[in-house]
Amino acid sequence: MKATKLTPAVLQAADMLGLYGAELARILNVLCSDIGLMTNGKKLLETGTETRERSICFLEFYELLGKTLGDDEVAMYHWLRAEHK
């Protein structure tokens, strides 16, 4: 997937899950300021980086969670915020 498509897809998935920028930064192993730059279109997820690989894994997680919960965004949000034992 091209960086011009991957970056907005990751940001949209994070938004739909109700993630804060700091939470997404931790998932992607980047600085919070990097998330801000991505949101403003000033930075893309570059090919061949660990951040890009983490982004792809995050999108795969989002898709699997959606399939598991019938693409119910509210259920996906609550599952993510729930304590799992």
N, C-alpha and C. Protein backbone atom coordinates (compact mmCIF):
# COMPACT_ATOMS: atom_id res chain seq x y z
N MET A 1 0.85 -1.18 0.00
CA MET A 1 0.00 0.00 0.00
C MET A 1 0.90 1.24 0.00
N LYS A 2 0.54 2.21 -0.82
CA LYS A 2 1.31 3.44 -0.90
C LYS A 2 1.15 4.26 0.37
N ALA A 3 2.20 5.02 0.69
CA ALA A 3 2.19 5.85 1.90
C ALA A 3 1.06 6.86 1.87
N THR A 4 0.71 7.33 0.67
CA THR A 4 -0.37 8.32 0.56
C THR A 4 -1.74 7.71 0.88
N LYS A 5 -1.85 6.40 0.82
CA LYS A 5 -3.09 5.71 1.18
C LYS A 5 -3.01 5.15 2.60
N LEU A 6 -1.84 4.63 2.97
CA LEU A 6 -1.66 4.00 4.27
C LEU A 6 -1.82 4.99 5.42
N THR A 7 -1.21 6.13 5.30
CA THR A 7 -1.24 7.11 6.40
C THR A 7 -2.66 7.53 6.75
N PRO A 8 -3.49 7.96 5.79
CA PRO A 8 -4.85 8.32 6.15
C PRO A 8 -5.68 7.13 6.65
N ALA A 9 -5.39 5.93 6.13
CA ALA A 9 -6.12 4.74 6.58
C ALA A 9 -5.84 4.46 8.06
N VAL A 10 -4.59 4.59 8.45
CA VAL A 10 -4.21 4.38 9.86
C VAL A 10 -4.86 5.44 10.74
N LEU A 11 -4.82 6.67 10.30
CA LEU A 11 -5.42 7.76 11.08
C LEU A 11 -6.94 7.57 11.20
N GLN A 12 -7.58 7.13 10.13
CA GLN A 12 -9.02 6.92 10.16
C GLN A 12 -9.37 5.76 11.10
N ALA A 13 -8.62 4.67 11.03
CA ALA A 13 -8.88 3.53 11.92
C ALA A 13 -8.71 3.94 13.38
N ALA A 14 -7.67 4.69 13.66
CA ALA A 14 -7.44 5.16 15.03
C ALA A 14 -8.59 6.04 15.49
N ASP A 15 -9.05 6.92 14.61
CA ASP A 15 -10.16 7.80 14.94
C ASP A 15 -11.44 7.01 15.20
N MET A 16 -11.70 6.02 14.37
CA MET A 16 -12.91 5.21 14.53
C MET A 16 -12.88 4.38 15.81
N LEU A 17 -11.69 4.06 16.28
CA LEU A 17 -11.55 3.32 17.54
C LEU A 17 -11.50 4.26 18.74
N GLY A 18 -11.51 5.56 18.47
CA GLY A 18 -11.48 6.52 19.56
C GLY A 18 -10.12 6.65 20.23
N LEU A 19 -9.06 6.35 19.49
CA LEU A 19 -7.72 6.44 20.06
C LEU A 19 -7.25 7.89 20.08
N TYR A 20 -6.58 8.25 21.13
CA TYR A 20 -5.92 9.55 21.21
C TYR A 20 -4.64 9.49 20.39
N GLY A 21 -4.16 10.64 19.97
CA GLY A 21 -2.91 10.70 19.21
C GLY A 21 -1.75 10.06 19.96
N ALA A 22 -1.71 10.26 21.27
CA ALA A 22 -0.63 9.68 22.08
C ALA A 22 -0.71 8.16 22.09
N GLU A 23 -1.92 7.62 22.07
CA GLU A 23 -2.07 6.16 22.04
C GLU A 23 -1.60 5.60 20.70
N LEU A 24 -1.97 6.27 19.62
CA LEU A 24 -1.52 5.82 18.31
C LEU A 24 -0.01 5.96 18.20
N ALA A 25 0.54 7.01 18.74
CA ALA A 25 2.00 7.20 18.73
C ALA A 25 2.69 6.04 19.43
N ARG A 26 2.13 5.60 20.53
CA ARG A 26 2.73 4.48 21.27
C ARG A 26 2.63 3.19 20.46
N ILE A 27 1.49 2.98 19.80
CA ILE A 27 1.33 1.78 18.97
C ILE A 27 2.34 1.77 17.83
N LEU A 28 2.53 2.93 17.21
CA LEU A 28 3.43 3.02 16.05
C LEU A 28 4.88 3.26 16.42
N ASN A 29 5.13 3.51 17.70
CA ASN A 29 6.47 3.79 18.20
C ASN A 29 7.06 5.05 17.57
N VAL A 30 6.23 6.11 17.59
CA VAL A 30 6.67 7.42 17.09
C VAL A 30 6.35 8.47 18.14
N LEU A 31 6.77 9.69 17.88
CA LEU A 31 6.47 10.80 18.78
C LEU A 31 5.05 11.31 18.53
N CYS A 32 4.46 11.90 19.55
CA CYS A 32 3.12 12.50 19.39
C CYS A 32 3.15 13.57 18.30
N SER A 33 4.24 14.28 18.21
CA SER A 33 4.35 15.32 17.18
C SER A 33 4.31 14.72 15.77
N ASP A 34 4.80 13.49 15.62
CA ASP A 34 4.73 12.81 14.32
C ASP A 34 3.28 12.54 13.93
N ILE A 35 2.45 12.18 14.90
CA ILE A 35 1.03 11.95 14.63
C ILE A 35 0.39 13.26 14.18
N GLY A 36 0.75 14.35 14.84
CA GLY A 36 0.24 15.66 14.43
C GLY A 36 0.63 16.00 13.01
N LEU A 37 1.87 15.71 12.66
CA LEU A 37 2.33 15.98 11.29
C LEU A 37 1.60 15.11 10.28
N MET A 38 1.34 13.86 10.64
CA MET A 38 0.59 12.97 9.75
C MET A 38 -0.84 13.48 9.57
N THR A 39 -1.44 13.91 10.67
CA THR A 39 -2.80 14.43 10.62
C THR A 39 -2.89 15.66 9.72
N ASN A 40 -1.87 16.47 9.75
CA ASN A 40 -1.84 17.68 8.93
C ASN A 40 -1.31 17.44 7.51
N GLY A 41 -1.02 16.19 7.18
CA GLY A 41 -0.55 15.85 5.84
C GLY A 41 0.89 16.22 5.56
N LYS A 42 1.66 16.48 6.62
CA LYS A 42 3.05 16.90 6.44
C LYS A 42 4.05 15.75 6.62
N LYS A 43 3.53 14.57 6.95
CA LYS A 43 4.41 13.41 7.13
C LYS A 43 3.64 12.17 6.70
N LEU A 44 4.34 11.23 6.05
CA LEU A 44 3.75 9.98 5.62
C LEU A 44 4.50 8.81 6.25
N LEU A 45 3.84 7.66 6.27
CA LEU A 45 4.49 6.44 6.77
C LEU A 45 5.38 5.90 5.66
N GLU A 46 6.67 5.97 5.87
CA GLU A 46 7.64 5.66 4.82
C GLU A 46 7.87 4.16 4.67
N THR A 47 8.13 3.76 3.43
CA THR A 47 8.41 2.37 3.10
C THR A 47 9.69 1.92 3.79
N GLY A 48 9.69 0.65 4.23
CA GLY A 48 10.89 0.05 4.80
C GLY A 48 11.20 0.45 6.22
N THR A 49 10.23 0.98 6.95
CA THR A 49 10.47 1.37 8.33
C THR A 49 9.66 0.50 9.28
N GLU A 50 10.12 0.44 10.52
CA GLU A 50 9.39 -0.30 11.55
C GLU A 50 8.01 0.31 11.75
N THR A 51 7.92 1.62 11.67
CA THR A 51 6.64 2.32 11.84
C THR A 51 5.64 1.88 10.79
N ARG A 52 6.09 1.72 9.57
CA ARG A 52 5.20 1.26 8.51
C ARG A 52 4.70 -0.15 8.80
N GLU A 53 5.59 -1.03 9.23
CA GLU A 53 5.20 -2.40 9.56
C GLU A 53 4.19 -2.42 10.70
N ARG A 54 4.41 -1.58 11.70
CA ARG A 54 3.47 -1.48 12.82
C ARG A 54 2.13 -0.96 12.33
N SER A 55 2.16 -0.04 11.39
CA SER A 55 0.93 0.52 10.83
C SER A 55 0.12 -0.55 10.12
N ILE A 56 0.79 -1.37 9.35
CA ILE A 56 0.11 -2.44 8.64
C ILE A 56 -0.49 -3.43 9.63
N CYS A 57 0.24 -3.77 10.67
CA CYS A 57 -0.29 -4.66 11.72
C CYS A 57 -1.49 -4.04 12.40
N PHE A 58 -1.44 -2.74 12.65
CA PHE A 58 -2.56 -2.05 13.28
C PHE A 58 -3.80 -2.11 12.40
N LEU A 59 -3.63 -1.90 11.11
CA LEU A 59 -4.78 -1.99 10.19
C LEU A 59 -5.32 -3.41 10.12
N GLU A 60 -4.45 -4.40 10.14
CA GLU A 60 -4.90 -5.79 10.15
C GLU A 60 -5.68 -6.09 11.42
N PHE A 61 -5.21 -5.58 12.56
CA PHE A 61 -5.93 -5.73 13.81
C PHE A 61 -7.31 -5.09 13.70
N TYR A 62 -7.38 -3.89 13.17
CA TYR A 62 -8.64 -3.17 13.02
C TYR A 62 -9.61 -3.97 12.16
N GLU A 63 -9.13 -4.50 11.06
CA GLU A 63 -9.99 -5.28 10.17
C GLU A 63 -10.48 -6.55 10.84
N LEU A 64 -9.61 -7.25 11.56
CA LEU A 64 -10.01 -8.46 12.27
C LEU A 64 -11.01 -8.17 13.38
N LEU A 65 -10.77 -7.09 14.10
CA LEU A 65 -11.70 -6.70 15.16
C LEU A 65 -13.07 -6.38 14.56
N GLY A 66 -13.07 -5.68 13.44
CA GLY A 66 -14.32 -5.38 12.76
C GLY A 66 -15.06 -6.63 12.32
N LYS A 67 -14.33 -7.59 11.74
CA LYS A 67 -14.96 -8.84 11.31
C LYS A 67 -15.51 -9.61 12.50
N THR A 68 -14.78 -9.62 13.59
CA THR A 68 -15.19 -10.36 14.79
C THR A 68 -16.45 -9.76 15.40
N LEU A 69 -16.54 -8.43 15.38
CA LEU A 69 -17.66 -7.75 16.04
C LEU A 69 -18.69 -7.21 15.05
N GLY A 70 -18.68 -7.75 13.84
CA GLY A 70 -19.70 -7.37 12.86
C GLY A 70 -19.62 -5.92 12.42
N ASP A 71 -18.43 -5.36 12.40
CA ASP A 71 -18.21 -3.96 12.00
C ASP A 71 -19.03 -2.97 12.83
N ASP A 72 -19.35 -3.35 14.05
CA ASP A 72 -20.07 -2.47 14.97
C ASP A 72 -19.04 -1.57 15.65
N GLU A 73 -18.97 -0.31 15.21
CA GLU A 73 -17.94 0.61 15.71
C GLU A 73 -18.04 0.84 17.21
N VAL A 74 -19.25 0.89 17.74
CA VAL A 74 -19.42 1.09 19.19
C VAL A 74 -18.88 -0.12 19.94
N ALA A 75 -19.19 -1.31 19.46
CA ALA A 75 -18.68 -2.53 20.10
C ALA A 75 -17.16 -2.60 20.00
N MET A 76 -16.62 -2.17 18.87
CA MET A 76 -15.17 -2.18 18.69
C MET A 76 -14.51 -1.23 19.68
N TYR A 77 -15.08 -0.06 19.84
CA TYR A 77 -14.56 0.92 20.79
C TYR A 77 -14.59 0.36 22.21
N HIS A 78 -15.73 -0.21 22.59
CA HIS A 78 -15.87 -0.74 23.95
C HIS A 78 -14.96 -1.94 24.18
N TRP A 79 -14.79 -2.79 23.17
CA TRP A 79 -13.89 -3.92 23.32
C TRP A 79 -12.47 -3.43 23.57
N LEU A 80 -12.06 -2.42 22.84
CA LEU A 80 -10.71 -1.89 22.98
C LEU A 80 -10.49 -1.29 24.36
N ARG A 81 -11.51 -0.66 24.93
CA ARG A 81 -11.38 0.00 26.24
C ARG A 81 -11.64 -0.93 27.42
N ALA A 82 -12.17 -2.11 27.15
CA ALA A 82 -12.50 -3.04 28.23
C ALA A 82 -11.25 -3.71 28.80
N GLU A 83 -11.34 -4.10 30.05
CA GLU A 83 -10.25 -4.85 30.66
C GLU A 83 -10.42 -6.32 30.31
N HIS A 84 -9.40 -6.91 29.73
CA HIS A 84 -9.44 -8.31 29.31
C HIS A 84 -8.53 -9.12 30.21
N LYS A 85 -9.06 -10.24 30.68
CA LYS A 85 -8.26 -11.10 31.57
C LYS A 85 -8.01 -12.43 30.91
